[in-house]
Amino acid sequence: MNINLRQAVIQRVQNKSNEELQEIIDDSIGGVEQVLPGLGVLFEIIWQHSDENIQSELVETLKGHLQ
């Protein structure tokens, strides 16, 4: 079976409760660099399913913390 990174991350988080998702994210932030691609997949899902206002807020938050 050939599984790609996106599928693997999605399978890992499917059917998780809000609390479990929060814990996965919290545990990944600031951790080892190997989890960064997984966070990227989660961010991609958030981005794709957010309206333009939320996307703008995310960009502003990012910009504000890069300076």
PDB file of N, CA and C in Angstrom:
ATOM      1  N   MET A   1       0.846  -1.181   0.000  1.00  0.00           N
ATOM      2  CA  MET A   1       0.000   0.000   0.000  1.00  0.00           C
ATOM      3  C   MET A   1       0.886   1.238   0.000  1.00  0.00           C
ATOM      4  N   ASN A   2       0.640   2.139  -0.931  1.00  0.00           N
ATOM      5  CA  ASN A   2       1.404   3.368  -1.047  1.00  0.00           C
ATOM      6  C   ASN A   2       0.546   4.516  -0.506  1.00  0.00           C
ATOM      7  N   ILE A   3       0.995   5.147   0.572  1.00  0.00           N
ATOM      8  CA  ILE A   3       0.228   6.229   1.195  1.00  0.00           C
ATOM      9  C   ILE A   3       1.083   7.483   1.199  1.00  0.00           C
ATOM     10  N   ASN A   4       0.482   8.607   0.856  1.00  0.00           N
ATOM     11  CA  ASN A   4       1.264   9.838   0.859  1.00  0.00           C
ATOM     12  C   ASN A   4       1.129  10.561   2.196  1.00  0.00           C
ATOM     13  N   LEU A   5       1.921  11.590   2.379  1.00  0.00           N
ATOM     14  CA  LEU A   5       1.966  12.313   3.646  1.00  0.00           C
ATOM     15  C   LEU A   5       0.597  12.873   4.017  1.00  0.00           C
ATOM     16  N   ARG A   6      -0.073  13.513   3.055  1.00  0.00           N
ATOM     17  CA  ARG A   6      -1.388  14.088   3.355  1.00  0.00           C
ATOM     18  C   ARG A   6      -2.350  13.024   3.878  1.00  0.00           C
ATOM     19  N   GLN A   7      -2.395  11.898   3.190  1.00  0.00           N
ATOM     20  CA  GLN A   7      -3.299  10.820   3.605  1.00  0.00           C
ATOM     21  C   GLN A   7      -2.935  10.306   4.998  1.00  0.00           C
ATOM     22  N   ALA A   8      -1.655  10.163   5.259  1.00  0.00           N
ATOM     23  CA  ALA A   8      -1.208   9.662   6.558  1.00  0.00           C
ATOM     24  C   ALA A   8      -1.612  10.614   7.675  1.00  0.00           C
ATOM     25  N   VAL A   9      -1.419  11.915   7.471  1.00  0.00           N
ATOM     26  CA  VAL A   9      -1.780  12.899   8.497  1.00  0.00           C
ATOM     27  C   VAL A   9      -3.286  12.903   8.699  1.00  0.00           C
ATOM     28  N   ILE A  10      -4.027  12.901   7.609  1.00  0.00           N
ATOM     29  CA  ILE A  10      -5.485  12.929   7.716  1.00  0.00           C
ATOM     30  C   ILE A  10      -5.992  11.688   8.437  1.00  0.00           C
ATOM     31  N   GLN A  11      -5.440  10.535   8.128  1.00  0.00           N
ATOM     32  CA  GLN A  11      -5.855   9.309   8.813  1.00  0.00           C
ATOM     33  C   GLN A  11      -5.547   9.379  10.305  1.00  0.00           C
ATOM     34  N   ARG A  12      -4.434  10.020  10.652  1.00  0.00           N
ATOM     35  CA  ARG A  12      -4.050  10.117  12.068  1.00  0.00           C
ATOM     36  C   ARG A  12      -5.028  10.979  12.873  1.00  0.00           C
ATOM     37  N   VAL A  13      -5.606  11.979  12.232  1.00  0.00           N
ATOM     38  CA  VAL A  13      -6.455  12.907  12.975  1.00  0.00           C
ATOM     39  C   VAL A  13      -7.953  12.688  12.766  1.00  0.00           C
ATOM     40  N   GLN A  14      -8.305  11.826  11.830  1.00  0.00           N
ATOM     41  CA  GLN A  14      -9.728  11.559  11.611  1.00  0.00           C
ATOM     42  C   GLN A  14     -10.367  10.994  12.869  1.00  0.00           C
ATOM     43  N   ASN A  15     -11.599  11.395  13.089  1.00  0.00           N
ATOM     44  CA  ASN A  15     -12.415  10.894  14.205  1.00  0.00           C
ATOM     45  C   ASN A  15     -11.852  11.256  15.575  1.00  0.00           C
ATOM     46  N   LYS A  16     -11.005  12.262  15.625  1.00  0.00           N
ATOM     47  CA  LYS A  16     -10.501  12.743  16.914  1.00  0.00           C
ATOM     48  C   LYS A  16     -11.451  13.809  17.448  1.00  0.00           C
ATOM     49  N   SER A  17     -11.541  13.907  18.746  1.00  0.00           N
ATOM     50  CA  SER A  17     -12.351  14.955  19.370  1.00  0.00           C
ATOM     51  C   SER A  17     -11.623  16.294  19.242  1.00  0.00           C
ATOM     52  N   ASN A  18     -12.329  17.359  19.517  1.00  0.00           N
ATOM     53  CA  ASN A  18     -11.704  18.688  19.502  1.00  0.00           C
ATOM     54  C   ASN A  18     -10.520  18.738  20.461  1.00  0.00           C
ATOM     55  N   GLU A  19     -10.690  18.146  21.623  1.00  0.00           N
ATOM     56  CA  GLU A  19      -9.618  18.148  22.618  1.00  0.00           C
ATOM     57  C   GLU A  19      -8.401  17.362  22.117  1.00  0.00           C
ATOM     58  N   GLU A  20      -8.652  16.236  21.479  1.00  0.00           N
ATOM     59  CA  GLU A  20      -7.545  15.431  20.945  1.00  0.00           C
ATOM     60  C   GLU A  20      -6.825  16.172  19.821  1.00  0.00           C
ATOM     61  N   LEU A  21      -7.580  16.854  18.954  1.00  0.00           N
ATOM     62  CA  LEU A  21      -6.953  17.643  17.889  1.00  0.00           C
ATOM     63  C   LEU A  21      -6.092  18.753  18.476  1.00  0.00           C
ATOM     64  N   GLN A  22      -6.623  19.433  19.495  1.00  0.00           N
ATOM     65  CA  GLN A  22      -5.865  20.495  20.166  1.00  0.00           C
ATOM     66  C   GLN A  22      -4.570  19.940  20.742  1.00  0.00           C
ATOM     67  N   GLU A  23      -4.647  18.781  21.354  1.00  0.00           N
ATOM     68  CA  GLU A  23      -3.465  18.164  21.959  1.00  0.00           C
ATOM     69  C   GLU A  23      -2.428  17.791  20.893  1.00  0.00           C
ATOM     70  N   ILE A  24      -2.886  17.257  19.777  1.00  0.00           N
ATOM     71  CA  ILE A  24      -1.971  16.905  18.694  1.00  0.00           C
ATOM     72  C   ILE A  24      -1.234  18.147  18.210  1.00  0.00           C
ATOM     73  N   ILE A  25      -1.980  19.232  18.018  1.00  0.00           N
ATOM     74  CA  ILE A  25      -1.377  20.477  17.541  1.00  0.00           C
ATOM     75  C   ILE A  25      -0.409  21.028  18.588  1.00  0.00           C
ATOM     76  N   ASP A  26      -0.872  21.101  19.839  1.00  0.00           N
ATOM     77  CA  ASP A  26      -0.021  21.635  20.914  1.00  0.00           C
ATOM     78  C   ASP A  26       1.268  20.831  21.061  1.00  0.00           C
ATOM     79  N   ASP A  27       1.162  19.519  20.970  1.00  0.00           N
ATOM     80  CA  ASP A  27       2.341  18.662  21.107  1.00  0.00           C
ATOM     81  C   ASP A  27       3.296  18.818  19.929  1.00  0.00           C
ATOM     82  N   SER A  28       2.769  19.182  18.771  1.00  0.00           N
ATOM     83  CA  SER A  28       3.597  19.310  17.560  1.00  0.00           C
ATOM     84  C   SER A  28       4.306  20.647  17.472  1.00  0.00           C
ATOM     85  N   ILE A  29       3.681  21.698  17.986  1.00  0.00           N
ATOM     86  CA  ILE A  29       4.253  23.042  17.905  1.00  0.00           C
ATOM     87  C   ILE A  29       5.512  23.107  18.760  1.00  0.00           C
ATOM     88  N   GLY A  30       6.587  23.554  18.154  1.00  0.00           N
ATOM     89  CA  GLY A  30       7.842  23.707  18.877  1.00  0.00           C
ATOM     90  C   GLY A  30       8.568  22.395  19.099  1.00  0.00           C
ATOM     91  N   GLY A  31       8.034  21.320  18.526  1.00  0.00           N
ATOM     92  CA  GLY A  31       8.667  20.023  18.699  1.00  0.00           C
ATOM     93  C   GLY A  31       9.724  19.767  17.638  1.00  0.00           C
ATOM     94  N   VAL A  32       9.946  18.517  17.388  1.00  0.00           N
ATOM     95  CA  VAL A  32      10.948  18.137  16.398  1.00  0.00           C
ATOM     96  C   VAL A  32      10.502  18.544  15.000  1.00  0.00           C
ATOM     97  N   GLU A  33      11.455  18.814  14.145  1.00  0.00           N
ATOM     98  CA  GLU A  33      11.150  19.316  12.810  1.00  0.00           C
ATOM     99  C   GLU A  33      10.416  18.304  11.949  1.00  0.00           C
ATOM    100  N   GLN A  34      10.469  17.044  12.279  1.00  0.00           N
ATOM    101  CA  GLN A  34       9.794  16.028  11.485  1.00  0.00           C
ATOM    102  C   GLN A  34       8.278  16.205  11.483  1.00  0.00           C
ATOM    103  N   VAL A  35       7.717  16.883  12.485  1.00  0.00           N
ATOM    104  CA  VAL A  35       6.262  17.064  12.533  1.00  0.00           C
ATOM    105  C   VAL A  35       5.794  18.280  11.733  1.00  0.00           C
ATOM    106  N   LEU A  36       6.728  19.124  11.299  1.00  0.00           N
ATOM    107  CA  LEU A  36       6.341  20.323  10.555  1.00  0.00           C
ATOM    108  C   LEU A  36       5.535  20.022   9.289  1.00  0.00           C
ATOM    109  N   PRO A  37       5.894  19.017   8.509  1.00  0.00           N
ATOM    110  CA  PRO A  37       5.056  18.717   7.340  1.00  0.00           C
ATOM    111  C   PRO A  37       3.616  18.358   7.726  1.00  0.00           C
ATOM    112  N   GLY A  38       3.456  17.652   8.834  1.00  0.00           N
ATOM    113  CA  GLY A  38       2.109  17.312   9.296  1.00  0.00           C
ATOM    114  C   GLY A  38       1.309  18.541   9.672  1.00  0.00           C
ATOM    115  N   LEU A  39       1.969  19.489  10.343  1.00  0.00           N
ATOM    116  CA  LEU A  39       1.294  20.742  10.665  1.00  0.00           C
ATOM    117  C   LEU A  39       0.932  21.497   9.394  1.00  0.00           C
ATOM    118  N   GLY A  40       1.791  21.381   8.393  1.00  0.00           N
ATOM    119  CA  GLY A  40       1.490  22.010   7.100  1.00  0.00           C
ATOM    120  C   GLY A  40       0.240  21.430   6.471  1.00  0.00           C
ATOM    121  N   VAL A  41       0.064  20.127   6.588  1.00  0.00           N
ATOM    122  CA  VAL A  41      -1.146  19.488   6.051  1.00  0.00           C
ATOM    123  C   VAL A  41      -2.372  19.989   6.803  1.00  0.00           C
ATOM    124  N   LEU A  42      -2.274  20.078   8.124  1.00  0.00           N
ATOM    125  CA  LEU A  42      -3.400  20.579   8.911  1.00  0.00           C
ATOM    126  C   LEU A  42      -3.705  22.030   8.560  1.00  0.00           C
ATOM    127  N   PHE A  43      -2.662  22.842   8.391  1.00  0.00           N
ATOM    128  CA  PHE A  43      -2.867  24.232   8.003  1.00  0.00           C
ATOM    129  C   PHE A  43      -3.520  24.314   6.629  1.00  0.00           C
ATOM    130  N   GLU A  44      -3.107  23.464   5.722  1.00  0.00           N
ATOM    131  CA  GLU A  44      -3.687  23.444   4.381  1.00  0.00           C
ATOM    132  C   GLU A  44      -5.191  23.187   4.449  1.00  0.00           C
ATOM    133  N   ILE A  45      -5.608  22.254   5.297  1.00  0.00           N
ATOM    134  CA  ILE A  45      -7.028  21.954   5.460  1.00  0.00           C
ATOM    135  C   ILE A  45      -7.766  23.165   6.029  1.00  0.00           C
ATOM    136  N   ILE A  46      -7.180  23.783   7.054  1.00  0.00           N
ATOM    137  CA  ILE A  46      -7.798  24.976   7.647  1.00  0.00           C
ATOM    138  C   ILE A  46      -7.936  26.068   6.596  1.00  0.00           C
ATOM    139  N   TRP A  47      -6.879  26.310   5.853  1.00  0.00           N
ATOM    140  CA  TRP A  47      -6.861  27.373   4.843  1.00  0.00           C
ATOM    141  C   TRP A  47      -7.929  27.134   3.773  1.00  0.00           C
ATOM    142  N   GLN A  48      -7.985  25.917   3.276  1.00  0.00           N
ATOM    143  CA  GLN A  48      -8.911  25.587   2.194  1.00  0.00           C
ATOM    144  C   GLN A  48     -10.369  25.703   2.618  1.00  0.00           C
ATOM    145  N   HIS A  49     -10.636  25.590   3.910  1.00  0.00           N
ATOM    146  CA  HIS A  49     -12.010  25.610   4.389  1.00  0.00           C
ATOM    147  C   HIS A  49     -12.335  26.855   5.211  1.00  0.00           C
ATOM    148  N   SER A  50     -11.521  27.883   5.059  1.00  0.00           N
ATOM    149  CA  SER A  50     -11.750  29.161   5.741  1.00  0.00           C
ATOM    150  C   SER A  50     -12.177  30.207   4.729  1.00  0.00           C
ATOM    151  N   ASP A  51     -13.046  31.099   5.186  1.00  0.00           N
ATOM    152  CA  ASP A  51     -13.438  32.179   4.275  1.00  0.00           C
ATOM    153  C   ASP A  51     -12.338  33.229   4.213  1.00  0.00           C
ATOM    154  N   GLU A  52     -12.506  34.180   3.329  1.00  0.00           N
ATOM    155  CA  GLU A  52     -11.457  35.180   3.098  1.00  0.00           C
ATOM    156  C   GLU A  52     -11.138  35.993   4.345  1.00  0.00           C
ATOM    157  N   ASN A  53     -12.126  36.251   5.192  1.00  0.00           N
ATOM    158  CA  ASN A  53     -11.876  37.023   6.418  1.00  0.00           C
ATOM    159  C   ASN A  53     -10.942  36.267   7.358  1.00  0.00           C
ATOM    160  N   ILE A  54     -11.191  34.992   7.534  1.00  0.00           N
ATOM    161  CA  ILE A  54     -10.324  34.194   8.404  1.00  0.00           C
ATOM    162  C   ILE A  54      -8.934  34.069   7.796  1.00  0.00           C
ATOM    163  N   GLN A  55      -8.854  33.882   6.477  1.00  0.00           N
ATOM    164  CA  GLN A  55      -7.547  33.818   5.821  1.00  0.00           C
ATOM    165  C   GLN A  55      -6.780  35.120   6.036  1.00  0.00           C
ATOM    166  N   SER A  56      -7.466  36.246   5.921  1.00  0.00           N
ATOM    167  CA  SER A  56      -6.809  37.541   6.154  1.00  0.00           C
ATOM    168  C   SER A  56      -6.308  37.658   7.580  1.00  0.00           C
ATOM    169  N   GLU A  57      -7.111  37.184   8.551  1.00  0.00           N
ATOM    170  CA  GLU A  57      -6.692  37.208   9.952  1.00  0.00           C
ATOM    171  C   GLU A  57      -5.455  36.332  10.165  1.00  0.00           C
ATOM    172  N   LEU A  58      -5.443  35.176   9.543  1.00  0.00           N
ATOM    173  CA  LEU A  58      -4.288  34.288   9.671  1.00  0.00           C
ATOM    174  C   LEU A  58      -3.032  34.931   9.102  1.00  0.00           C
ATOM    175  N   VAL A  59      -3.175  35.574   7.955  1.00  0.00           N
ATOM    176  CA  VAL A  59      -2.033  36.246   7.329  1.00  0.00           C
ATOM    177  C   VAL A  59      -1.557  37.394   8.212  1.00  0.00           C
ATOM    178  N   GLU A  60      -2.478  38.163   8.759  1.00  0.00           N
ATOM    179  CA  GLU A  60      -2.102  39.275   9.645  1.00  0.00           C
ATOM    180  C   GLU A  60      -1.397  38.766  10.900  1.00  0.00           C
ATOM    181  N   THR A  61      -1.899  37.676  11.466  1.00  0.00           N
ATOM    182  CA  THR A  61      -1.254  37.082  12.644  1.00  0.00           C
ATOM    183  C   THR A  61       0.151  36.641  12.309  1.00  0.00           C
ATOM    184  N   LEU A  62       0.300  35.956  11.179  1.00  0.00           N
ATOM    185  CA  LEU A  62       1.627  35.520  10.757  1.00  0.00           C
ATOM    186  C   LEU A  62       2.550  36.702  10.529  1.00  0.00           C
ATOM    187  N   LYS A  63       2.071  37.686   9.788  1.00  0.00           N
ATOM    188  CA  LYS A  63       2.891  38.865   9.490  1.00  0.00           C
ATOM    189  C   LYS A  63       3.319  39.576  10.766  1.00  0.00           C
ATOM    190  N   GLY A  64       2.405  39.683  11.711  1.00  0.00           N
ATOM    191  CA  GLY A  64       2.691  40.361  12.965  1.00  0.00           C
ATOM    192  C   GLY A  64       3.752  39.669  13.798  1.00  0.00           C
ATOM    193  N   HIS A  65       3.928  38.390  13.584  1.00  0.00           N
ATOM    194  CA  HIS A  65       4.908  37.636  14.371  1.00  0.00           C
ATOM    195  C   HIS A  65       6.209  37.367  13.614  1.00  0.00           C
ATOM    196  N   LEU A  66       6.296  37.847  12.402  1.00  0.00           N
ATOM    197  CA  LEU A  66       7.521  37.689  11.626  1.00  0.00           C
ATOM    198  C   LEU A  66       8.407  38.921  11.704  1.00  0.00           C
ATOM    199  N   GLN A  67       7.911  39.980  12.284  1.00  0.00           N
ATOM    200  CA  GLN A  67       8.681  41.221  12.334  1.00  0.00           C
ATOM    201  C   GLN A  67       9.446  41.336  13.629  1.00  0.00           C
TER     202      GLN A  67
END
